[in-house]
Amino acid sequence: MFNKIKQLILQKSDSYNFYKNQYTILNNELENKIDELETSNKKLQEDVKKLTNKNIELSDQLKENTKKNSQILDSYNNSFNTIFLDYNLEPKGALKNTHLLCIELLNLIVNICEKYNLSYWLDYGNLLGAVRHDGFIPWDDDMDVGMMRKDFNKLLEVLPNEIKINNLENYLDIQIDEKLSENSIFTFLQIRCLKGKKFYGGIDIFAYDFLVSPFDGIDEKFNSERKTFLLKLLKGTPRSIAIDEYYDSFNLSYDKQDYMIPGIDGVRSKWNTYDFVVMDTNMIFPLKTITFCGVEYNCPRNPDYYLKCIYGEYYDIPKIIDRHKRIRGIRRISDVDGAYKPYFDKLREVNNNY
């Protein structure tokens, strides 16, 4: 009885009715919000479904486009293999002149090597060109030669005088251990014909070292030693001292061993053009000869083994070709033959008189 009376009093109360009305309004608003959220959620689910279907559609389209692009790339690559491997193509203009000039540079190095009883072999792109193309790789624009460290050091010793006595100072530029920036230095030997910034031709000469014995983690140690070697050169340490310290640390030898590795001053490392590799010396020596542009030059005993150490499977034209692009600026010279002629004439004269 008391609760009924209390309820009647509350129903007659203005504050009770006010709060009841407010509750009713808020409850209605909340229900409307819930309805809106449910509607929005439903729409969102529909949109997600549409986007998922669209994503599947785009993914399928991407796969199809990738497949088509791969087929197109394979088609171009097959065509390039046919053109470059099954036809006899001849360069012209600037590239032809660069090839001829590079051969004269190679002949100069061969003549110096023969004079001082030094061993050399065709390396990298030129060995590949000799095996795959009987000469230059069609887009190549320099020469590559390999030498063991003892012979490489001797060449560094005699080269300046050979250039001087043959009056080649105004024709040849020697680059080695040249600081390119605060953190960069050019470490292998490059002999080049330059006129201003125009590169008419050049020969890169790379040193190799005999390894007493391979060991676990040799790749990582080589990469570490290379960083140390470069820092020493950048700080002004003489090359001979830096090389001697490297030899002691890496257990290398100037005398023939069963294994050999690319030089610390070359282009093989974790951060460089080619990967580090340990090679079987008996696959390289004794050297034999191979025909390059109609002339016999030295090459490793087993060129197939050597090239696979550099390139892996090498016979087909790669889908991605790395080029120097040096010819681009020379093509626009009005008299290309005339620009090369002084270098040809002088180098041919010197080579003919060795």
Protein backbone atom coordinates (compact mmCIF):
# COMPACT_ATOMS: atom_id res chain seq x y z
CA MET A 1 0.00 0.00 0.00
CA PHE A 2 2.81 2.36 0.87
CA ASN A 3 4.63 1.71 -2.47
CA LYS A 4 1.47 2.42 -4.46
CA ILE A 5 1.03 5.72 -2.66
CA LYS A 6 4.73 6.54 -3.33
CA GLN A 7 4.30 5.75 -7.00
CA LEU A 8 1.24 8.01 -7.29
CA ILE A 9 3.07 10.87 -5.61
CA LEU A 10 6.02 10.47 -7.98
CA GLN A 11 3.71 10.41 -11.02
CA LYS A 12 2.21 13.69 -9.91
CA SER A 13 5.67 15.19 -9.41
CA ASP A 14 6.90 17.60 -12.10
CA SER A 15 10.52 16.52 -11.67
CA TYR A 16 9.56 12.89 -12.09
CA ASN A 17 7.73 13.61 -15.35
CA PHE A 18 10.61 15.78 -16.57
CA TYR A 19 13.20 13.09 -16.01
CA LYS A 20 10.93 10.45 -17.42
CA ASN A 21 10.47 12.50 -20.59
CA GLN A 22 14.23 13.12 -20.79
CA TYR A 23 14.89 9.42 -20.41
CA THR A 24 12.37 8.65 -23.14
CA ILE A 25 14.00 11.19 -25.48
CA LEU A 26 17.52 9.94 -24.77
CA ASN A 27 16.47 6.35 -25.15
CA ASN A 28 14.87 7.13 -28.51
CA GLU A 29 17.99 8.98 -29.62
CA LEU A 30 20.15 6.06 -28.53
CA GLU A 31 17.98 3.60 -30.43
CA ASN A 32 18.19 5.85 -33.50
CA LYS A 33 21.98 5.98 -33.17
CA ILE A 34 22.10 2.21 -32.87
CA ASP A 35 19.94 1.92 -36.00
CA GLU A 36 22.26 4.37 -37.80
CA LEU A 37 25.34 2.47 -36.69
CA GLU A 38 23.86 -0.83 -37.80
CA THR A 39 22.99 0.71 -41.17
CA SER A 40 26.48 2.25 -41.44
CA ASN A 41 28.10 -1.03 -40.40
CA LYS A 42 26.08 -2.88 -43.01
CA LYS A 43 27.16 -0.37 -45.67
CA LEU A 44 30.76 -0.64 -44.47
CA GLN A 45 30.62 -4.41 -44.78
CA GLU A 46 29.25 -4.02 -48.29
CA ASP A 47 32.03 -1.55 -49.14
CA VAL A 48 34.67 -3.91 -47.69
CA LYS A 49 33.24 -6.71 -49.77
CA LYS A 50 33.35 -4.52 -52.88
CA LEU A 51 36.94 -3.45 -52.13
CA THR A 52 37.93 -7.07 -51.49
CA ASN A 53 36.45 -8.09 -54.82
CA LYS A 54 38.13 -5.13 -56.49
CA ASN A 55 41.45 -6.02 -54.86
CA ILE A 56 41.11 -9.60 -56.12
CA GLU A 57 40.28 -8.24 -59.56
CA LEU A 58 43.30 -5.88 -59.50
CA SER A 59 45.55 -8.66 -58.19
CA ASP A 60 44.43 -10.94 -61.01
CA GLN A 61 44.96 -8.10 -63.47
CA LEU A 62 48.44 -7.42 -62.03
CA LYS A 63 49.33 -11.10 -62.34
CA GLU A 64 48.10 -11.09 -65.92
CA ASN A 65 50.03 -7.90 -66.75
CA THR A 66 53.15 -9.31 -65.07
CA LYS A 67 52.80 -12.47 -67.09
CA LYS A 68 52.35 -10.47 -70.31
CA ASN A 69 55.30 -8.21 -69.49
CA SER A 70 57.43 -11.25 -68.70
CA GLN A 71 56.43 -12.78 -72.02
CA ILE A 72 57.31 -9.52 -73.80
CA LEU A 73 60.67 -9.34 -71.99
CA ASP A 74 61.37 -12.99 -72.85
CA SER A 75 60.46 -12.26 -76.47
CA TYR A 76 62.87 -9.30 -76.60
CA ASN A 77 65.55 -11.31 -74.83
CA ASN A 78 65.15 -14.20 -77.29
CA SER A 79 65.41 -11.71 -80.14
CA PHE A 80 68.57 -10.19 -78.66
CA ASN A 81 70.05 -13.67 -78.27
CA THR A 82 69.33 -14.36 -81.92
CA ILE A 83 70.74 -11.00 -83.05
CA PHE A 84 73.84 -10.96 -80.87
CA LEU A 85 74.70 -14.67 -80.92
CA ASP A 86 73.63 -15.83 -84.37
CA TYR A 87 74.59 -12.82 -86.52
CA ASN A 88 77.94 -11.19 -87.21
CA LEU A 89 77.38 -7.57 -86.19
CA GLU A 90 79.93 -4.84 -86.69
CA PRO A 91 80.10 -1.65 -84.61
CA LYS A 92 80.33 1.74 -86.28
CA GLY A 93 81.14 5.32 -85.40
CA ALA A 94 82.31 6.06 -81.88
CA LEU A 95 81.87 2.50 -80.60
CA LYS A 96 83.94 1.06 -83.45
CA ASN A 97 86.71 3.57 -82.73
CA THR A 98 86.60 2.81 -79.01
CA HIS A 99 86.91 -0.92 -79.68
CA LEU A 100 89.91 -0.39 -81.95
CA LEU A 101 91.54 1.96 -79.46
CA CYS A 102 90.96 -0.51 -76.60
CA ILE A 103 92.71 -3.22 -78.60
CA GLU A 104 95.73 -0.92 -79.03
CA LEU A 105 95.73 -0.33 -75.26
CA LEU A 106 95.57 -4.08 -74.68
CA ASN A 107 98.45 -4.61 -77.10
CA LEU A 108 100.48 -2.00 -75.21
CA ILE A 109 99.93 -3.85 -71.92
CA VAL A 110 100.76 -7.19 -73.59
CA ASN A 111 103.98 -5.70 -74.97
CA ILE A 112 104.97 -4.38 -71.54
CA CYS A 113 104.12 -7.75 -69.94
CA GLU A 114 106.25 -9.60 -72.48
CA LYS A 115 109.13 -7.16 -71.96
CA TYR A 116 109.15 -7.77 -68.19
CA ASN A 117 108.00 -11.42 -68.27
CA LEU A 118 104.66 -10.69 -66.57
CA SER A 119 101.57 -12.89 -66.86
CA TYR A 120 98.15 -11.48 -67.71
CA TRP A 121 94.80 -12.84 -68.89
CA LEU A 122 91.61 -11.50 -70.42
CA ASP A 123 89.15 -10.86 -67.62
CA TYR A 124 85.46 -10.09 -67.04
CA GLY A 125 83.65 -8.76 -70.11
CA ASN A 126 86.50 -9.34 -72.54
CA LEU A 127 86.89 -13.01 -71.61
CA LEU A 128 83.10 -13.32 -71.83
CA GLY A 129 83.20 -11.54 -75.19
CA ALA A 130 85.94 -13.84 -76.47
CA VAL A 131 83.96 -16.95 -75.51
CA ARG A 132 80.48 -15.75 -76.47
CA HIS A 133 81.12 -13.30 -79.31
CA ASP A 134 84.69 -13.98 -80.55
CA GLY A 135 85.46 -10.38 -79.58
CA PHE A 136 83.83 -7.51 -77.76
CA ILE A 137 80.46 -7.83 -76.11
CA PRO A 138 78.48 -5.63 -78.56
CA TRP A 139 77.84 -2.85 -76.04
CA ASP A 140 81.20 -2.99 -74.19
CA ASP A 141 83.53 0.02 -74.29
CA ASP A 142 86.70 -0.95 -72.42
CA MET A 143 89.16 -3.78 -71.78
CA ASP A 144 89.54 -5.95 -68.66
CA VAL A 145 92.76 -7.75 -67.73
CA GLY A 146 93.66 -9.87 -64.70
CA MET A 147 97.11 -10.35 -63.13
CA MET A 148 98.49 -12.02 -60.04
CA ARG A 149 99.63 -9.58 -57.33
CA LYS A 150 103.39 -9.99 -57.88
CA ASP A 151 103.05 -9.19 -61.59
CA PHE A 152 100.52 -6.44 -60.90
CA ASN A 153 102.94 -4.74 -58.49
CA LYS A 154 105.74 -4.97 -61.06
CA LEU A 155 103.48 -3.41 -63.69
CA LEU A 156 102.70 -0.53 -61.34
CA GLU A 157 106.44 -0.05 -60.89
CA VAL A 158 107.42 -0.01 -64.58
CA LEU A 159 104.34 1.53 -66.16
CA PRO A 160 105.14 5.21 -65.52
CA ASN A 161 108.58 4.83 -67.09
CA GLU A 162 107.19 2.89 -70.07
CA ILE A 163 104.74 5.71 -70.69
CA LYS A 164 107.54 8.26 -70.39
CA ILE A 165 110.09 6.59 -72.67
CA ASN A 166 107.40 6.08 -75.32
CA ASN A 167 106.24 9.71 -75.07
CA LEU A 168 102.70 8.71 -74.11
CA GLU A 169 102.25 11.27 -71.32
CA ASN A 170 99.87 13.37 -73.42
CA TYR A 171 97.88 10.34 -74.60
CA LEU A 172 97.38 8.15 -71.55
CA ASP A 173 96.00 8.85 -68.09
CA ILE A 174 96.70 6.46 -65.18
CA GLN A 175 94.13 6.18 -62.40
CA ILE A 176 94.71 4.19 -59.22
CA ASP A 177 94.08 5.02 -55.55
CA GLU A 178 92.46 8.27 -56.65
CA LYS A 179 90.25 9.82 -53.99
CA LEU A 180 86.82 10.49 -55.48
CA SER A 181 85.27 11.96 -52.31
CA GLU A 182 85.76 11.95 -48.55
CA ASN A 183 84.41 8.38 -48.39
CA SER A 184 85.24 7.00 -51.82
CA ILE A 185 88.45 5.97 -53.56
CA PHE A 186 89.22 4.35 -56.94
CA THR A 187 91.48 1.36 -56.17
CA PHE A 188 92.12 -0.78 -59.26
CA LEU A 189 94.39 0.26 -62.14
CA GLN A 190 92.79 2.00 -65.09
CA ILE A 191 94.72 3.28 -68.10
CA ARG A 192 92.56 5.52 -70.27
CA CYS A 193 92.54 7.88 -73.21
CA LEU A 194 90.81 11.05 -72.10
CA LYS A 195 90.13 14.39 -73.71
CA GLY A 196 88.52 16.63 -71.15
CA LYS A 197 85.71 14.53 -69.70
CA LYS A 198 85.34 12.41 -72.83
CA PHE A 199 86.44 8.78 -72.37
CA TYR A 200 87.65 7.42 -75.73
CA GLY A 201 88.90 4.11 -74.44
CA GLY A 202 90.46 2.40 -71.44
CA ILE A 203 91.77 -0.79 -69.93
CA ASP A 204 91.04 -1.94 -66.37
CA ILE A 205 93.67 -4.14 -64.74
CA PHE A 206 92.71 -6.20 -61.67
CA ALA A 207 95.00 -7.90 -59.16
CA TYR A 208 94.43 -11.42 -57.80
CA ASP A 209 96.00 -13.10 -54.77
CA PHE A 210 97.05 -16.64 -53.89
CA LEU A 211 95.26 -17.95 -50.80
CA VAL A 212 97.14 -20.40 -48.56
CA SER A 213 93.95 -22.09 -47.35
CA PRO A 214 90.19 -21.31 -47.34
CA PHE A 215 88.46 -20.99 -43.97
CA ASP A 216 84.97 -20.65 -42.53
CA GLY A 217 83.51 -17.15 -42.79
CA ILE A 218 85.98 -16.10 -45.47
CA ASP A 219 83.34 -14.00 -47.28
CA GLU A 220 82.58 -11.93 -44.19
CA LYS A 221 86.26 -11.50 -43.36
CA PHE A 222 87.01 -10.36 -46.93
CA ASN A 223 84.24 -7.76 -46.77
CA SER A 224 85.54 -6.55 -43.40
CA GLU A 225 89.13 -6.44 -44.66
CA ARG A 226 88.04 -4.49 -47.73
CA LYS A 227 86.44 -1.79 -45.58
CA THR A 228 89.61 -1.58 -43.49
CA PHE A 229 91.80 -1.44 -46.61
CA LEU A 230 89.75 1.39 -48.16
CA LEU A 231 89.82 3.39 -44.92
CA LYS A 232 93.61 3.06 -44.76
CA LEU A 233 93.99 4.36 -48.30
CA LEU A 234 91.56 7.20 -47.62
CA LYS A 235 93.63 8.20 -44.58
CA GLY A 236 96.83 8.23 -46.63
CA THR A 237 98.40 4.87 -45.81
CA PRO A 238 100.73 3.89 -48.70
CA ARG A 239 99.29 1.12 -50.89
CA SER A 240 102.27 -1.19 -50.30
CA ILE A 241 101.84 -1.04 -46.52
CA ALA A 242 98.05 -1.53 -46.69
CA ILE A 243 98.50 -4.56 -48.98
CA ASP A 244 101.22 -6.09 -46.75
CA GLU A 245 99.01 -5.74 -43.67
CA TYR A 246 96.10 -7.31 -45.57
CA TYR A 247 98.33 -10.21 -46.69
CA ASP A 248 99.35 -10.92 -43.10
CA SER A 249 95.76 -10.75 -41.84
CA PHE A 250 94.27 -12.91 -44.60
CA ASN A 251 97.07 -15.52 -44.90
CA LEU A 252 97.86 -14.76 -48.53
CA SER A 253 101.00 -15.54 -50.52
CA TYR A 254 102.87 -14.14 -53.51
CA ASP A 255 103.86 -17.70 -54.40
CA LYS A 256 101.52 -20.09 -56.16
CA GLN A 257 98.98 -21.88 -53.94
CA ASP A 258 96.05 -24.20 -54.65
CA TYR A 259 93.55 -21.35 -54.26
CA MET A 260 93.28 -17.76 -55.44
CA ILE A 261 90.89 -14.90 -54.73
CA PRO A 262 90.09 -11.54 -56.35
CA GLY A 263 92.11 -8.61 -55.08
CA ILE A 264 90.94 -6.52 -52.17
CA ASP A 265 91.38 -3.53 -54.52
CA GLY A 266 89.13 -4.93 -57.25
CA VAL A 267 85.39 -4.96 -57.90
CA ARG A 268 84.25 -8.01 -55.92
CA SER A 269 82.71 -7.68 -52.48
CA LYS A 270 79.36 -7.58 -50.73
CA TRP A 271 78.86 -3.95 -51.76
CA ASN A 272 80.46 -4.07 -55.19
CA THR A 273 79.77 -5.19 -58.76
CA TYR A 274 80.50 -8.90 -58.28
CA ASP A 275 80.49 -11.31 -55.34
CA PHE A 276 83.64 -12.52 -53.65
CA VAL A 277 84.71 -16.01 -54.72
CA VAL A 278 87.48 -18.53 -53.94
CA MET A 279 88.85 -20.12 -57.12
CA ASP A 280 90.80 -23.26 -57.84
CA THR A 281 94.21 -22.12 -59.08
CA ASN A 282 94.56 -25.23 -61.23
CA MET A 283 91.50 -24.11 -63.20
CA ILE A 284 93.29 -20.84 -64.04
CA PHE A 285 96.93 -21.89 -64.49
CA PRO A 286 98.72 -22.69 -66.66
CA LEU A 287 97.21 -20.01 -68.87
CA LYS A 288 96.28 -20.77 -72.45
CA THR A 289 95.26 -18.52 -75.35
CA ILE A 290 91.93 -17.54 -76.83
CA THR A 291 91.00 -15.60 -79.96
CA PHE A 292 89.75 -12.08 -79.39
CA CYS A 293 88.97 -10.00 -82.48
CA GLY A 294 91.16 -12.30 -84.57
CA VAL A 295 94.22 -12.16 -82.28
CA GLU A 296 95.41 -14.67 -79.68
CA TYR A 297 95.58 -13.41 -76.09
CA ASN A 298 96.08 -15.15 -72.74
CA CYS A 299 93.09 -16.54 -70.87
CA PRO A 300 92.46 -18.88 -67.91
CA ARG A 301 93.07 -22.58 -68.49
CA ASN A 302 89.34 -23.27 -68.05
CA PRO A 303 87.39 -20.20 -69.29
CA ASP A 304 84.02 -21.85 -68.58
CA TYR A 305 84.91 -22.40 -64.91
CA TYR A 306 86.29 -18.88 -64.60
CA LEU A 307 83.28 -17.18 -66.21
CA LYS A 308 80.84 -19.13 -64.04
CA CYS A 309 82.77 -17.90 -60.99
CA ILE A 310 81.96 -14.37 -62.15
CA TYR A 311 78.58 -14.53 -63.87
CA GLY A 312 77.03 -17.90 -63.13
CA GLU A 313 75.31 -19.18 -66.28
CA TYR A 314 76.71 -16.72 -68.79
CA TYR A 315 76.08 -17.90 -72.33
CA ASP A 316 72.72 -16.19 -73.00
CA ILE A 317 72.35 -12.43 -73.25
CA PRO A 318 71.12 -11.21 -69.81
CA LYS A 319 67.70 -9.59 -69.49
CA ILE A 320 69.23 -6.67 -67.62
CA ILE A 321 72.39 -5.22 -69.15
CA ASP A 322 74.76 -3.02 -67.16
CA ARG A 323 76.48 -0.51 -69.47
CA HIS A 324 78.97 2.30 -68.88
CA LYS A 325 77.19 4.67 -71.32
CA ARG A 326 80.51 6.38 -72.14
CA ILE A 327 79.80 6.46 -75.87
CA ARG A 328 76.70 8.60 -75.49
CA GLY A 329 78.57 11.91 -75.38
CA ILE A 330 81.12 10.95 -78.05
CA ARG A 331 78.48 10.02 -80.65
CA ARG A 332 77.65 13.71 -81.07
CA ILE A 333 81.20 14.70 -82.10
CA SER A 334 81.01 15.85 -85.71
CA ASP A 335 84.35 14.27 -86.71
CA VAL A 336 84.48 11.08 -84.64
CA ASP A 337 87.27 9.46 -86.65
CA GLY A 338 89.38 12.61 -86.38
CA ALA A 339 88.91 12.76 -82.60
CA TYR A 340 90.34 9.24 -82.19
CA LYS A 341 93.09 9.48 -84.82
CA PRO A 342 95.88 11.01 -82.65
CA TYR A 343 95.47 8.19 -80.08
CA PHE A 344 95.42 5.49 -82.76
CA ASP A 345 98.47 6.84 -84.55
CA LYS A 346 100.57 7.17 -81.41
CA LEU A 347 99.65 3.83 -79.85
CA ARG A 348 100.12 1.95 -83.11
CA GLU A 349 103.52 3.58 -83.56
CA VAL A 350 104.56 2.56 -80.03
CA ASN A 351 103.22 -0.99 -80.35
CA ASN A 352 104.89 -1.51 -83.71
CA ASN A 353 108.23 -0.51 -82.23
CA TYR A 354 108.16 -2.76 -79.14
